[in-house]
Amino acid sequence: MDEEHKQEAGEAPAQEEVKPDRPKAPISRLVEMIPSASSLREERRLREKRIRLKYDPRLKPEEARISPELAKQLGIEDLLEITIAHRHRFAFKAIIDEEAEPNRVYVNPELMEEHGVADNSIATVRPYRGEEKLGVRLEV
């Protein structure tokens, strides 16, 4: 039936199908705009980080000076733990200092020399969760 006969019979004229405009960019470009699942996850906090120990004679044996950037990355607020070569482990009160370098932790030289730890040694720093006394060697 053509359009004229449909109108005479009282039927509504058929509407032409309207096709949506095709995207001008290829599909691969559109997919790039969708974020990956891993990027949608919450930011993961580091549990520990390898750093250099630096002597600072102004610090007390129970204190360690750390940069705010490193403290934020590791979630350190008040206490930190330092492990050197799986042999020495120490707990310290964290002093967050803007002037501290980001990949260094400053400690008392007398305490470190007493335990045979040299200046500029590589160590692992992490937040401290234990109950032991500060500024003393912990059991490894």
C-alpha atoms as a PDB file:
ATOM      1  CA  MET A   1       0.000   0.000   0.000  1.00  0.00           C
ATOM      2  CA  ASP A   2       1.367   3.354  -0.929  1.00  0.00           C
ATOM      3  CA  GLU A   3       1.141   6.547   1.123  1.00  0.00           C
ATOM      4  CA  GLU A   4      -1.955   7.910  -0.660  1.00  0.00           C
ATOM      5  CA  HIS A   5      -3.990   4.764   0.008  1.00  0.00           C
ATOM      6  CA  LYS A   6      -2.930   4.759   3.670  1.00  0.00           C
ATOM      7  CA  GLN A   7      -4.085   8.335   4.098  1.00  0.00           C
ATOM      8  CA  GLU A   8      -7.445   7.509   2.461  1.00  0.00           C
ATOM      9  CA  ALA A   9      -7.883   4.482   4.732  1.00  0.00           C
ATOM     10  CA  GLY A  10      -7.231   6.683   7.794  1.00  0.00           C
ATOM     11  CA  GLU A  11      -3.926   5.132   8.638  1.00  0.00           C
ATOM     12  CA  ALA A  12      -1.072   7.295   9.783  1.00  0.00           C
ATOM     13  CA  PRO A  13       1.707   7.696   7.255  1.00  0.00           C
ATOM     14  CA  ALA A  14       4.782   5.603   7.986  1.00  0.00           C
ATOM     15  CA  GLN A  15       7.665   7.635   9.307  1.00  0.00           C
ATOM     16  CA  GLU A  16      11.055   7.150   7.888  1.00  0.00           C
ATOM     17  CA  GLU A  17      13.557   5.658  10.248  1.00  0.00           C
ATOM     18  CA  VAL A  18      15.980   8.274  11.509  1.00  0.00           C
ATOM     19  CA  LYS A  19      19.440   6.839  11.838  1.00  0.00           C
ATOM     20  CA  PRO A  20      21.638   8.345  14.512  1.00  0.00           C
ATOM     21  CA  ASP A  21      24.740  10.128  13.307  1.00  0.00           C
ATOM     22  CA  ARG A  22      27.795   7.899  13.317  1.00  0.00           C
ATOM     23  CA  PRO A  23      30.552   9.027  15.620  1.00  0.00           C
ATOM     24  CA  LYS A  24      33.217  10.902  13.764  1.00  0.00           C
ATOM     25  CA  ALA A  25      36.031   9.283  15.783  1.00  0.00           C
ATOM     26  CA  PRO A  26      36.793   5.576  15.474  1.00  0.00           C
ATOM     27  CA  ILE A  27      35.541   3.319  18.273  1.00  0.00           C
ATOM     28  CA  SER A  28      39.075   2.745  19.569  1.00  0.00           C
ATOM     29  CA  ARG A  29      39.393   6.475  20.267  1.00  0.00           C
ATOM     30  CA  LEU A  30      36.110   6.466  22.147  1.00  0.00           C
ATOM     31  CA  VAL A  31      37.158   3.469  24.248  1.00  0.00           C
ATOM     32  CA  GLU A  32      40.305   5.336  25.295  1.00  0.00           C
ATOM     33  CA  MET A  33      38.116   7.848  27.115  1.00  0.00           C
ATOM     34  CA  ILE A  34      36.719   5.152  29.419  1.00  0.00           C
ATOM     35  CA  PRO A  35      38.926   4.875  32.539  1.00  0.00           C
ATOM     36  CA  SER A  36      40.446   1.496  33.339  1.00  0.00           C
ATOM     37  CA  ALA A  37      39.230  -0.443  36.358  1.00  0.00           C
ATOM     38  CA  SER A  38      42.587  -0.076  38.097  1.00  0.00           C
ATOM     39  CA  SER A  39      42.450   3.706  37.831  1.00  0.00           C
ATOM     40  CA  LEU A  40      39.074   3.742  39.569  1.00  0.00           C
ATOM     41  CA  ARG A  41      40.434   1.953  42.629  1.00  0.00           C
ATOM     42  CA  GLU A  42      41.376   4.008  45.630  1.00  0.00           C
ATOM     43  CA  GLU A  43      44.965   5.140  45.840  1.00  0.00           C
ATOM     44  CA  ARG A  44      47.072   2.429  47.433  1.00  0.00           C
ATOM     45  CA  ARG A  45      49.324   3.469  50.266  1.00  0.00           C
ATOM     46  CA  LEU A  46      52.867   2.122  50.372  1.00  0.00           C
ATOM     47  CA  ARG A  47      53.580  -0.192  53.292  1.00  0.00           C
ATOM     48  CA  GLU A  48      57.330   0.414  53.326  1.00  0.00           C
ATOM     49  CA  LYS A  49      60.046   2.127  51.347  1.00  0.00           C
ATOM     50  CA  ARG A  50      63.808   1.831  50.913  1.00  0.00           C
ATOM     51  CA  ILE A  51      65.585   5.038  51.915  1.00  0.00           C
ATOM     52  CA  ARG A  52      68.990   6.329  53.046  1.00  0.00           C
ATOM     53  CA  LEU A  53      69.750   6.966  56.717  1.00  0.00           C
ATOM     54  CA  LYS A  54      71.536  10.196  57.441  1.00  0.00           C
ATOM     55  CA  TYR A  55      73.137  11.208  60.737  1.00  0.00           C
ATOM     56  CA  ASP A  56      71.758  14.297  62.505  1.00  0.00           C
ATOM     57  CA  PRO A  57      73.462  15.025  65.856  1.00  0.00           C
ATOM     58  CA  ARG A  58      70.661  17.436  66.874  1.00  0.00           C
ATOM     59  CA  LEU A  59      68.212  14.536  67.283  1.00  0.00           C
ATOM     60  CA  LYS A  60      67.651  12.578  70.485  1.00  0.00           C
ATOM     61  CA  PRO A  61      68.172   8.786  70.277  1.00  0.00           C
ATOM     62  CA  GLU A  62      64.400   8.156  70.275  1.00  0.00           C
ATOM     63  CA  GLU A  63      63.673  10.603  67.411  1.00  0.00           C
ATOM     64  CA  ALA A  64      63.893  10.371  63.619  1.00  0.00           C
ATOM     65  CA  ARG A  65      63.326  13.254  61.213  1.00  0.00           C
ATOM     66  CA  ILE A  66      61.289  12.546  58.059  1.00  0.00           C
ATOM     67  CA  SER A  67      59.880  14.607  55.188  1.00  0.00           C
ATOM     68  CA  PRO A  68      56.117  15.275  55.081  1.00  0.00           C
ATOM     69  CA  GLU A  69      55.952  13.767  51.578  1.00  0.00           C
ATOM     70  CA  LEU A  70      57.460  10.440  52.709  1.00  0.00           C
ATOM     71  CA  ALA A  71      55.337  10.424  55.867  1.00  0.00           C
ATOM     72  CA  LYS A  72      52.187  10.895  53.795  1.00  0.00           C
ATOM     73  CA  GLN A  73      53.150   8.147  51.317  1.00  0.00           C
ATOM     74  CA  LEU A  74      53.672   5.650  54.127  1.00  0.00           C
ATOM     75  CA  GLY A  75      50.919   6.867  56.455  1.00  0.00           C
ATOM     76  CA  ILE A  76      53.355   7.758  59.237  1.00  0.00           C
ATOM     77  CA  GLU A  77      51.842  10.092  61.812  1.00  0.00           C
ATOM     78  CA  ASP A  78      53.747   9.651  65.064  1.00  0.00           C
ATOM     79  CA  LEU A  79      55.898   6.489  65.114  1.00  0.00           C
ATOM     80  CA  LEU A  80      58.118   4.835  62.517  1.00  0.00           C
ATOM     81  CA  GLU A  81      60.222   1.697  62.290  1.00  0.00           C
ATOM     82  CA  ILE A  82      63.549   1.372  60.496  1.00  0.00           C
ATOM     83  CA  THR A  83      65.118  -1.951  59.464  1.00  0.00           C
ATOM     84  CA  ILE A  84      68.707  -2.139  58.249  1.00  0.00           C
ATOM     85  CA  ALA A  85      69.870  -5.231  56.319  1.00  0.00           C
ATOM     86  CA  HIS A  86      67.440  -7.555  58.174  1.00  0.00           C
ATOM     87  CA  ARG A  87      69.797  -7.318  61.171  1.00  0.00           C
ATOM     88  CA  HIS A  88      68.900  -4.121  62.983  1.00  0.00           C
ATOM     89  CA  ARG A  89      65.413  -2.840  63.690  1.00  0.00           C
ATOM     90  CA  PHE A  90      64.645   0.415  65.499  1.00  0.00           C
ATOM     91  CA  ALA A  91      61.499   2.279  66.527  1.00  0.00           C
ATOM     92  CA  PHE A  92      61.445   6.075  66.605  1.00  0.00           C
ATOM     93  CA  LYS A  93      59.165   9.004  67.282  1.00  0.00           C
ATOM     94  CA  ALA A  94      58.620  10.666  63.883  1.00  0.00           C
ATOM     95  CA  ILE A  95      59.475  14.350  63.584  1.00  0.00           C
ATOM     96  CA  ILE A  96      57.958  15.584  60.346  1.00  0.00           C
ATOM     97  CA  ASP A  97      60.169  18.340  58.936  1.00  0.00           C
ATOM     98  CA  GLU A  98      59.679  20.360  55.730  1.00  0.00           C
ATOM     99  CA  GLU A  99      63.464  20.675  55.286  1.00  0.00           C
ATOM    100  CA  ALA A 100      64.093  16.904  55.273  1.00  0.00           C
ATOM    101  CA  GLU A 101      64.883  15.338  51.904  1.00  0.00           C
ATOM    102  CA  PRO A 102      62.098  13.059  50.562  1.00  0.00           C
ATOM    103  CA  ASN A 103      64.123   9.822  50.403  1.00  0.00           C
ATOM    104  CA  ARG A 104      66.122  10.193  53.605  1.00  0.00           C
ATOM    105  CA  VAL A 105      65.423   9.635  57.268  1.00  0.00           C
ATOM    106  CA  TYR A 106      67.627  11.456  59.759  1.00  0.00           C
ATOM    107  CA  VAL A 107      68.648   9.674  62.975  1.00  0.00           C
ATOM    108  CA  ASN A 108      70.942  10.153  65.968  1.00  0.00           C
ATOM    109  CA  PRO A 109      74.562   9.197  65.056  1.00  0.00           C
ATOM    110  CA  GLU A 110      75.536   7.920  68.528  1.00  0.00           C
ATOM    111  CA  LEU A 111      72.725   5.367  68.566  1.00  0.00           C
ATOM    112  CA  MET A 112      73.524   4.155  65.054  1.00  0.00           C
ATOM    113  CA  GLU A 113      77.299   3.936  65.636  1.00  0.00           C
ATOM    114  CA  GLU A 114      76.659   1.969  68.836  1.00  0.00           C
ATOM    115  CA  HIS A 115      74.904  -0.685  66.726  1.00  0.00           C
ATOM    116  CA  GLY A 116      77.347  -0.546  63.802  1.00  0.00           C
ATOM    117  CA  VAL A 117      75.129   1.303  61.336  1.00  0.00           C
ATOM    118  CA  ALA A 118      77.049   3.700  59.080  1.00  0.00           C
ATOM    119  CA  ASP A 119      75.951   7.101  57.829  1.00  0.00           C
ATOM    120  CA  ASN A 120      74.163   6.967  54.459  1.00  0.00           C
ATOM    121  CA  SER A 121      73.161   3.297  54.926  1.00  0.00           C
ATOM    122  CA  ILE A 122      70.228   1.896  52.984  1.00  0.00           C
ATOM    123  CA  ALA A 123      67.284   1.005  55.220  1.00  0.00           C
ATOM    124  CA  THR A 124      63.591   0.193  55.048  1.00  0.00           C
ATOM    125  CA  VAL A 125      61.168   2.566  56.740  1.00  0.00           C
ATOM    126  CA  ARG A 126      57.547   1.744  57.624  1.00  0.00           C
ATOM    127  CA  PRO A 127      54.924   2.895  60.124  1.00  0.00           C
ATOM    128  CA  TYR A 128      55.491   1.420  63.573  1.00  0.00           C
ATOM    129  CA  ARG A 129      52.680  -0.604  65.145  1.00  0.00           C
ATOM    130  CA  GLY A 130      54.431  -2.262  68.098  1.00  0.00           C
ATOM    131  CA  GLU A 131      54.697  -1.482  71.782  1.00  0.00           C
ATOM    132  CA  GLU A 132      58.464  -1.579  72.405  1.00  0.00           C
ATOM    133  CA  LYS A 133      60.477   1.299  73.785  1.00  0.00           C
ATOM    134  CA  LEU A 134      61.533   3.988  71.304  1.00  0.00           C
ATOM    135  CA  GLY A 135      65.114   4.552  70.200  1.00  0.00           C
ATOM    136  CA  VAL A 136      66.288   1.062  71.081  1.00  0.00           C
ATOM    137  CA  ARG A 137      67.089  -1.899  68.939  1.00  0.00           C
ATOM    138  CA  LEU A 138      64.149  -4.247  68.509  1.00  0.00           C
ATOM    139  CA  GLU A 139      64.331  -8.003  68.131  1.00  0.00           C
ATOM    140  CA  VAL A 140      64.537  -8.993  64.466  1.00  0.00           C
END
